[in-house]
Structures are given as C-alpha cells and as structure tokens.
Amino acid sequence: MPTFLDFEKPIAELEGKIEELRHAADSNGEVNIAEEIAKLQSKVDRLLRETYAKLTPWQKTLVARHPERPHFNDYVAQLTDDFLPLSGDRSFADDPAIQGGVARFRGRSVVLIGHEKGSDTAARVKHNFGMARPEGYRKAQRLMELADRFRLPVVTLVDTPGAYPGVDAEARGQAEAIARSIEVCLKIRVPFVAAIIGEGGSGGAIALAAANRIVMLEHAVYSVISPEGCASILWRSSEQAKEAAEALKLTAKDLLGLKAIDDIVTEPVGGAHRDPKRTIAALGDALGDALGELVGRDGDALRRERREKFLAMGAGAPE
C-alpha cells in the first residue's frame, strides 16, 4: 500500500478494509469475498477521482513532495539507454544532489541532468534531499557546456525544495553558482527541454529550467519560494503555509496560464506515486514531442527564442 497523505485518510481507511478482506480470503479458502472487494475498490476509485479533481495548492504541494513519486534515477532507468554518469565540477567536489551524464533517449543522444532526492532514508541523506550545493550547479554548467560543444540536446528533470542554504554552501558561492548556471542555460545553442517532476523550488530549480520548452507534471509545483518560507516572511509563522500556497500560484494550471511553462503532463489518478511507470512513460512522450519540435533548428535561433521567452515572463502581469 502507498504512503497516504493527511487528506487521503478516507481513502486509506477503504484500502485498509480491502487489505483485511484479502487477508481473510487468503487464510480461508472457502470464503469468497470478491464481490465485496470489487465494491470497495469501486468506492476507492471514485473517491480518488473526486479528491484529486479538486486538490488545493497546498495539497498539490504535499503530493509533489510524496516520497514515493518517481525520482531522477527512476526516469533514467525507464526512459534511457546507455546512461553514462559524469561526476564532479572539476573544481571542488561531486554533488550527489544533482546527477547528470550522456544517454540515449528515444534513439537520440542527449545530455541528461536532474535533481535526485533519494528513494529511502539513506539515499535521501546521501543526496541531501535534492538540495544542491554550489558544486552541483557548477557540475550542471560543465555538462551543459559539454552538450553545447558536441551539439547534443539538453534534458533536465527538476525536483528540489531549493538550493542548500547551509553556511558551507554560502561560503563557496551558492548565489553565484546558481546565477552562472542560469546564464549557461540561456547561452547554449542546442535544444533544451526541462521538466518539473516534483518540487520546483526557487533559484535551485530555475538554475536547471531556463529552457526552450518547460513541461510540468500535473501535481508538481514550481515557485519562487516554498509555501513555508513565504509564510515565515509574510506572517512570521510557517503555519500560514496553506494561505501562502494559494497566493504563490505554484500549480501547473496556474503556471500554464501565466505562460511560465509550456505543457502539463497528466498524472494517473491519485498521483504519480500510484503508477510510476505510467507517469514516466507519459513524461517521456512529452519530452520526446518537445525535442522533436526543436531538433534541427538553428542554434542562434534557439538561444534567441529562449532568452526572449524569459524576458517576456511577467511583462503583461497586473501591477
């Protein structure tokens, strides 16, 4: 059974009953409860559809953070062949929070870069929950410049609460590393597609997302700051995170309307964590379509379009 979020308690209770009935049927072969299980499963399916059709921005934030959502390594395993990881920033160290390398995606060589949060406690600690230090962003810069040199498209998968705010990261130039990474994103002359697959937090996200095309999973979030961080600044308390999430316009639907992203990838009912394989396949299709539109275009035109896209963001927003 999946890990349930707070707002999924009614669903959790029904699925718990289904598990109890299945266990009873297994322990007593004479008991036939298939009809009762089918009725309960129908209720679960209906409740899931109704619940996920009206998620609030805060609930979407919780779904985007779900520990069982597919992560970077899951996408690599299902979508690519011959992935060759490339490590280090050639200056200080390797940062496990950002992974990257060369891979074959749908028959095409690409440079693939993304945040990795980790799938269990040990992995999350190793990857620092997807929060990169300066060396992570400098590694991303190195890989994007490598892609530009060899004329390889760039694909990035964004999933981070934000850049790591620790003293050591600040001492090594966190802000400068993020700014340089954004600069490299806007400078390269190759097709560049980014996907927001979970959390897209602050500059830590945009450092890998200043792309020609940005696609976003249906229940992912993308904002200048986390709801808790925003609430701490505006209300001096993170308890107003729900209100902050509403104000931040961080959902895929909001961002498509604001033209901050280009496409929304539908997730299975109940979120990506309920059917990771289907989610990954759907995102792969969206990435493939976006790359197909860009591959073969002039490099200067790609760079100019990318820069104009980001300069135009917010130009028509009300004051």
Protein backbone atom coordinates (compact mmCIF):
# COMPACT_ATOMS: atom_id res chain seq x y z
CA MET A 1 0.00 0.00 0.00
CA PRO A 2 1.21 3.54 -0.74
CA THR A 3 2.02 6.08 1.95
CA PHE A 4 -1.11 8.16 2.48
CA LEU A 5 -1.22 11.93 2.92
CA ASP A 6 -3.39 13.61 5.56
CA PHE A 7 -6.18 14.49 3.15
CA GLU A 8 -6.29 10.89 1.90
CA LYS A 9 -7.48 9.39 5.23
CA PRO A 10 -10.91 8.27 3.90
CA ILE A 11 -9.13 6.53 1.00
CA ALA A 12 -6.65 4.93 3.40
CA GLU A 13 -9.48 3.52 5.51
CA LEU A 14 -11.16 1.93 2.49
CA GLU A 15 -7.92 0.46 1.18
CA GLY A 16 -7.20 -0.88 4.66
CA LYS A 17 -10.53 -2.71 4.61
CA ILE A 18 -9.71 -4.17 1.21
CA GLU A 19 -6.40 -5.49 2.54
CA GLU A 20 -8.17 -7.04 5.53
CA LEU A 21 -10.66 -8.79 3.26
CA ARG A 22 -7.91 -10.10 1.01
CA HIS A 23 -6.03 -11.42 4.01
CA ALA A 24 -9.20 -13.15 5.25
CA ALA A 25 -9.74 -14.72 1.83
CA ASP A 26 -6.14 -15.97 1.71
CA SER A 27 -6.34 -17.56 5.16
CA ASN A 28 -9.69 -19.23 4.50
CA GLY A 29 -10.02 -20.59 1.00
CA GLU A 30 -13.76 -21.24 1.48
CA VAL A 31 -14.56 -17.54 1.88
CA ASN A 32 -15.46 -15.81 -1.39
CA ILE A 33 -15.43 -12.06 -0.93
CA ALA A 34 -14.51 -10.97 -4.45
CA GLU A 35 -17.78 -9.09 -4.86
CA GLU A 36 -17.30 -7.12 -1.64
CA ILE A 37 -13.71 -6.25 -2.59
CA ALA A 38 -14.89 -5.08 -6.02
CA LYS A 39 -17.47 -2.78 -4.39
CA LEU A 40 -14.89 -1.28 -2.06
CA GLN A 41 -12.39 -0.86 -4.88
CA SER A 42 -15.02 0.98 -6.88
CA LYS A 43 -15.53 3.34 -3.93
CA VAL A 44 -11.77 3.90 -3.66
CA ASP A 45 -11.51 4.70 -7.37
CA ARG A 46 -14.41 7.14 -7.19
CA LEU A 47 -13.08 8.82 -4.05
CA LEU A 48 -9.61 9.15 -5.60
CA ARG A 49 -11.05 10.81 -8.71
CA GLU A 50 -13.18 13.20 -6.66
CA THR A 51 -10.35 14.07 -4.27
CA TYR A 52 -7.68 14.65 -6.91
CA ALA A 53 -10.03 16.63 -9.14
CA LYS A 54 -10.23 19.41 -6.53
CA LEU A 55 -6.83 19.49 -4.82
CA THR A 56 -5.89 22.81 -3.25
CA PRO A 57 -2.45 24.32 -3.99
CA TRP A 58 -1.26 23.16 -0.55
CA GLN A 59 -2.48 19.62 -1.18
CA LYS A 60 -0.69 19.63 -4.53
CA THR A 61 2.45 20.68 -2.70
CA LEU A 62 2.10 17.65 -0.44
CA VAL A 63 1.59 15.38 -3.46
CA ALA A 64 4.64 16.89 -5.18
CA ARG A 65 6.69 16.03 -2.08
CA HIS A 66 5.37 12.48 -1.77
CA PRO A 67 8.38 10.23 -1.01
CA GLU A 68 7.19 7.55 -3.44
CA ARG A 69 6.99 9.79 -6.51
CA PRO A 70 9.43 8.66 -9.21
CA HIS A 71 12.83 10.33 -8.97
CA PHE A 72 15.61 11.14 -11.43
CA ASN A 73 17.14 7.66 -11.31
CA ASP A 74 13.73 6.08 -11.99
CA TYR A 75 13.33 8.19 -15.14
CA VAL A 76 16.85 7.31 -16.27
CA ALA A 77 16.18 3.59 -15.82
CA GLN A 78 12.92 3.58 -17.78
CA LEU A 79 13.46 6.23 -20.45
CA THR A 80 17.11 5.98 -21.46
CA ASP A 81 19.69 3.52 -22.70
CA ASP A 82 23.45 3.57 -22.15
CA PHE A 83 23.36 6.28 -19.49
CA LEU A 84 26.94 7.32 -18.75
CA PRO A 85 27.07 9.35 -15.50
CA LEU A 86 29.58 12.20 -15.39
CA SER A 87 30.66 13.39 -11.97
CA GLY A 88 32.28 16.42 -10.37
CA ASP A 89 32.58 20.11 -11.13
CA ARG A 90 36.34 19.90 -11.89
CA SER A 91 36.91 22.43 -9.16
CA PHE A 92 35.82 21.26 -5.70
CA ALA A 93 33.77 18.04 -5.46
CA ASP A 94 30.92 15.94 -6.78
CA ASP A 95 27.46 16.83 -5.50
CA PRO A 96 25.10 13.83 -5.36
CA ALA A 97 22.05 16.14 -5.24
CA ILE A 98 22.48 16.79 -8.97
CA GLN A 99 23.06 13.86 -11.30
CA GLY A 100 23.93 14.03 -14.97
CA GLY A 101 25.51 12.37 -17.93
CA VAL A 102 25.14 11.32 -21.54
CA ALA A 103 22.32 8.96 -22.54
CA ARG A 104 20.31 7.63 -25.47
CA PHE A 105 16.73 8.87 -25.33
CA ARG A 106 14.35 7.56 -27.99
CA GLY A 107 17.25 6.86 -30.32
CA ARG A 108 18.85 10.29 -29.82
CA SER A 109 21.98 11.13 -27.81
CA VAL A 110 21.25 13.73 -25.13
CA VAL A 111 22.84 15.22 -22.04
CA LEU A 112 20.51 14.47 -19.13
CA ILE A 113 20.74 16.43 -15.86
CA GLY A 114 18.49 16.44 -12.82
CA HIS A 115 17.97 16.63 -9.10
CA GLU A 116 17.92 13.34 -7.21
CA LYS A 117 16.17 13.29 -3.82
CA GLY A 118 16.72 9.63 -2.98
CA SER A 119 14.16 6.86 -2.50
CA ASP A 120 14.89 5.83 1.11
CA THR A 121 16.35 7.41 4.22
CA ALA A 122 19.99 6.56 3.47
CA ALA A 123 19.68 7.76 -0.14
CA ARG A 124 17.93 10.97 0.90
CA VAL A 125 20.76 11.79 3.27
CA LYS A 126 23.34 10.95 0.58
CA HIS A 127 21.61 13.16 -1.99
CA ASN A 128 20.82 15.87 0.59
CA PHE A 129 17.10 15.64 -0.26
CA GLY A 130 17.79 17.09 -3.71
CA MET A 131 19.20 20.36 -2.33
CA ALA A 132 22.35 21.11 -4.29
CA ARG A 133 25.46 22.95 -3.16
CA PRO A 134 27.48 25.22 -5.48
CA GLU A 135 29.49 22.28 -6.85
CA GLY A 136 26.22 20.72 -8.02
CA TYR A 137 25.32 23.76 -10.09
CA ARG A 138 28.87 24.00 -11.40
CA LYS A 139 28.64 20.37 -12.46
CA ALA A 140 25.41 21.23 -14.30
CA GLN A 141 27.20 24.12 -16.02
CA ARG A 142 30.00 21.80 -17.10
CA LEU A 143 27.57 19.28 -18.56
CA MET A 144 25.54 21.92 -20.41
CA GLU A 145 28.71 23.37 -21.90
CA LEU A 146 29.74 19.84 -22.89
CA ALA A 147 26.39 19.40 -24.63
CA ASP A 148 26.87 22.69 -26.45
CA ARG A 149 30.36 21.67 -27.59
CA PHE A 150 29.17 18.37 -29.04
CA ARG A 151 25.79 19.67 -30.28
CA LEU A 152 23.75 17.40 -28.02
CA PRO A 153 20.25 18.37 -26.82
CA VAL A 154 19.89 19.01 -23.09
CA VAL A 155 17.10 17.50 -20.99
CA THR A 156 16.73 18.43 -17.31
CA LEU A 157 14.48 16.94 -14.62
CA VAL A 158 13.79 19.40 -11.80
CA ASP A 159 12.83 18.19 -8.32
CA THR A 160 14.21 20.23 -5.43
CA PRO A 161 12.86 22.13 -2.41
CA GLY A 162 15.53 24.71 -3.25
CA ALA A 163 19.27 25.16 -3.22
CA TYR A 164 21.01 24.09 0.01
CA PRO A 165 21.11 27.12 2.38
CA GLY A 166 23.92 25.91 4.63
CA VAL A 167 26.88 28.04 5.70
CA ASP A 168 29.33 25.89 3.71
CA ALA A 169 27.29 26.39 0.53
CA GLU A 170 27.10 30.14 1.03
CA ALA A 171 30.84 30.27 1.72
CA ARG A 172 31.53 28.58 -1.62
CA GLY A 173 29.36 30.99 -3.60
CA GLN A 174 25.88 29.48 -3.79
CA ALA A 175 24.22 32.54 -5.32
CA GLU A 176 26.97 33.00 -7.90
CA ALA A 177 26.82 29.32 -8.88
CA ILE A 178 23.06 29.49 -9.43
CA ALA A 179 23.35 32.72 -11.42
CA ARG A 180 26.09 31.22 -13.60
CA SER A 181 24.01 28.13 -14.17
CA ILE A 182 21.07 30.24 -15.36
CA GLU A 183 23.49 32.16 -17.58
CA VAL A 184 24.74 28.93 -19.17
CA CYS A 185 21.12 27.76 -19.67
CA LEU A 186 20.43 30.92 -21.63
CA LYS A 187 23.73 30.82 -23.53
CA ILE A 188 23.89 27.33 -25.05
CA ARG A 189 22.95 26.88 -28.72
CA VAL A 190 21.33 23.43 -28.56
CA PRO A 191 17.73 22.27 -28.00
CA PHE A 192 16.91 22.45 -24.30
CA VAL A 193 13.84 20.90 -22.63
CA ALA A 194 13.14 20.97 -18.88
CA ALA A 195 10.58 19.02 -16.87
CA ILE A 196 9.29 19.86 -13.39
CA ILE A 197 8.68 16.39 -11.94
CA GLY A 198 8.10 17.19 -8.26
CA GLU A 199 9.10 20.35 -6.43
CA GLY A 200 10.49 23.26 -8.39
CA GLY A 201 11.81 25.42 -5.61
CA SER A 202 13.30 28.89 -6.10
CA GLY A 203 16.61 29.55 -7.87
CA GLY A 204 17.63 25.99 -7.15
CA ALA A 205 15.04 24.93 -9.72
CA ILE A 206 15.36 27.65 -12.33
CA ALA A 207 19.12 27.01 -12.46
CA LEU A 208 18.20 23.88 -14.46
CA ALA A 209 14.96 25.10 -16.01
CA ALA A 210 15.70 28.15 -18.18
CA ALA A 211 14.86 26.06 -21.25
CA ASN A 212 13.24 26.41 -24.67
CA ARG A 213 10.35 24.20 -23.54
CA ILE A 214 9.22 23.55 -19.97
CA VAL A 215 6.81 20.72 -19.23
CA MET A 216 5.38 20.02 -15.82
CA LEU A 217 3.67 17.06 -14.20
CA GLU A 218 0.07 17.74 -13.22
CA HIS A 219 0.64 17.64 -9.46
CA ALA A 220 4.14 19.14 -9.40
CA VAL A 221 4.72 22.65 -8.01
CA TYR A 222 7.04 25.43 -9.18
CA SER A 223 7.56 28.68 -7.28
CA VAL A 224 9.99 31.37 -6.21
CA ILE A 225 9.90 30.11 -2.61
CA SER A 226 8.34 27.28 -0.63
CA PRO A 227 4.94 27.99 0.97
CA GLU A 228 6.52 27.60 4.42
CA GLY A 229 9.30 30.04 3.56
CA CYS A 230 6.85 32.54 2.14
CA ALA A 231 4.62 32.28 5.22
CA SER A 232 7.61 32.75 7.53
CA ILE A 233 8.47 36.01 5.76
CA LEU A 234 4.95 37.45 5.37
CA TRP A 235 3.28 36.20 8.55
CA ARG A 236 6.32 35.40 10.69
CA SER A 237 4.96 31.86 11.00
CA SER A 238 5.05 28.80 8.75
CA GLU A 239 1.56 27.89 9.99
CA GLN A 240 0.13 30.07 7.20
CA ALA A 241 1.71 27.83 4.55
CA LYS A 242 -1.71 26.94 3.10
CA GLU A 243 -2.54 30.60 2.50
CA ALA A 244 0.92 31.17 1.02
CA ALA A 245 0.48 28.25 -1.38
CA GLU A 246 -2.73 29.85 -2.66
CA ALA A 247 -1.03 33.20 -3.20
CA LEU A 248 2.11 31.81 -4.88
CA LYS A 249 0.25 30.44 -7.95
CA LEU A 250 2.53 27.41 -7.89
CA THR A 251 0.32 24.79 -9.57
CA ALA A 252 0.78 23.59 -13.13
CA LYS A 253 -2.58 25.07 -14.16
CA ASP A 254 -1.67 28.48 -12.73
CA LEU A 255 1.75 28.47 -14.35
CA LEU A 256 0.42 27.45 -17.76
CA GLY A 257 -1.98 30.39 -17.58
CA LEU A 258 0.92 32.69 -16.68
CA LYS A 259 2.98 31.22 -19.57
CA ALA A 260 5.76 30.20 -17.19
CA ILE A 261 5.51 26.63 -18.53
CA ASP A 262 4.51 25.25 -21.92
CA ASP A 263 2.69 21.98 -21.25
CA ILE A 264 1.12 19.92 -18.46
CA VAL A 265 1.63 16.15 -18.34
CA THR A 266 -1.36 14.35 -16.84
CA GLU A 267 -0.64 12.08 -13.88
CA PRO A 268 -2.50 8.85 -13.04
CA VAL A 269 -5.50 9.30 -10.73
CA GLY A 270 -4.09 9.53 -7.23
CA GLY A 271 -0.74 10.99 -8.29
CA ALA A 272 2.48 9.81 -9.91
CA HIS A 273 3.36 7.62 -6.93
CA ARG A 274 0.36 5.34 -7.60
CA ASP A 275 1.59 4.38 -11.06
CA PRO A 276 5.22 5.47 -11.55
CA LYS A 277 5.73 3.53 -14.79
CA ARG A 278 2.77 5.18 -16.48
CA THR A 279 3.85 8.60 -15.22
CA ILE A 280 7.39 8.14 -16.52
CA ALA A 281 6.12 6.93 -19.91
CA ALA A 282 3.80 9.95 -20.21
CA LEU A 283 6.61 12.36 -19.37
CA GLY A 284 8.86 10.58 -21.86
CA ASP A 285 6.27 11.20 -24.58
CA ALA A 286 6.07 14.89 -23.67
CA LEU A 287 9.86 15.26 -23.67
CA GLY A 288 10.10 13.43 -26.99
CA ASP A 289 7.49 15.70 -28.58
CA ALA A 290 9.19 18.84 -27.26
CA LEU A 291 12.60 17.74 -28.51
CA GLY A 292 11.13 16.83 -31.87
CA GLU A 293 9.98 20.44 -32.30
CA LEU A 294 13.45 21.80 -31.51
CA VAL A 295 15.98 19.40 -33.03
CA GLY A 296 17.37 20.63 -36.33
CA ARG A 297 16.69 24.30 -35.65
CA ASP A 298 19.43 26.91 -35.89
CA GLY A 299 21.43 27.31 -32.68
CA ASP A 300 21.31 31.09 -32.65
CA ALA A 301 17.54 31.00 -33.13
CA LEU A 302 17.17 28.55 -30.23
CA ARG A 303 19.23 30.75 -27.94
CA ARG A 304 17.41 33.93 -29.00
CA GLU A 305 13.99 32.33 -28.52
CA ARG A 306 14.99 31.03 -25.06
CA ARG A 307 16.16 34.46 -23.92
CA GLU A 308 13.10 36.23 -25.28
CA LYS A 309 10.85 33.68 -23.58
CA PHE A 310 12.24 34.51 -20.14
CA LEU A 311 12.44 38.26 -20.73
CA ALA A 312 8.74 38.23 -21.64
CA MET A 313 7.64 36.46 -18.45
CA GLY A 314 5.57 38.75 -16.28
CA ALA A 315 5.54 41.55 -18.84
CA GLY A 316 1.75 41.53 -19.02
CA ALA A 317 1.08 40.84 -15.35
CA PRO A 318 -1.13 43.33 -13.46
CA GLU A 319 0.69 45.73 -11.14
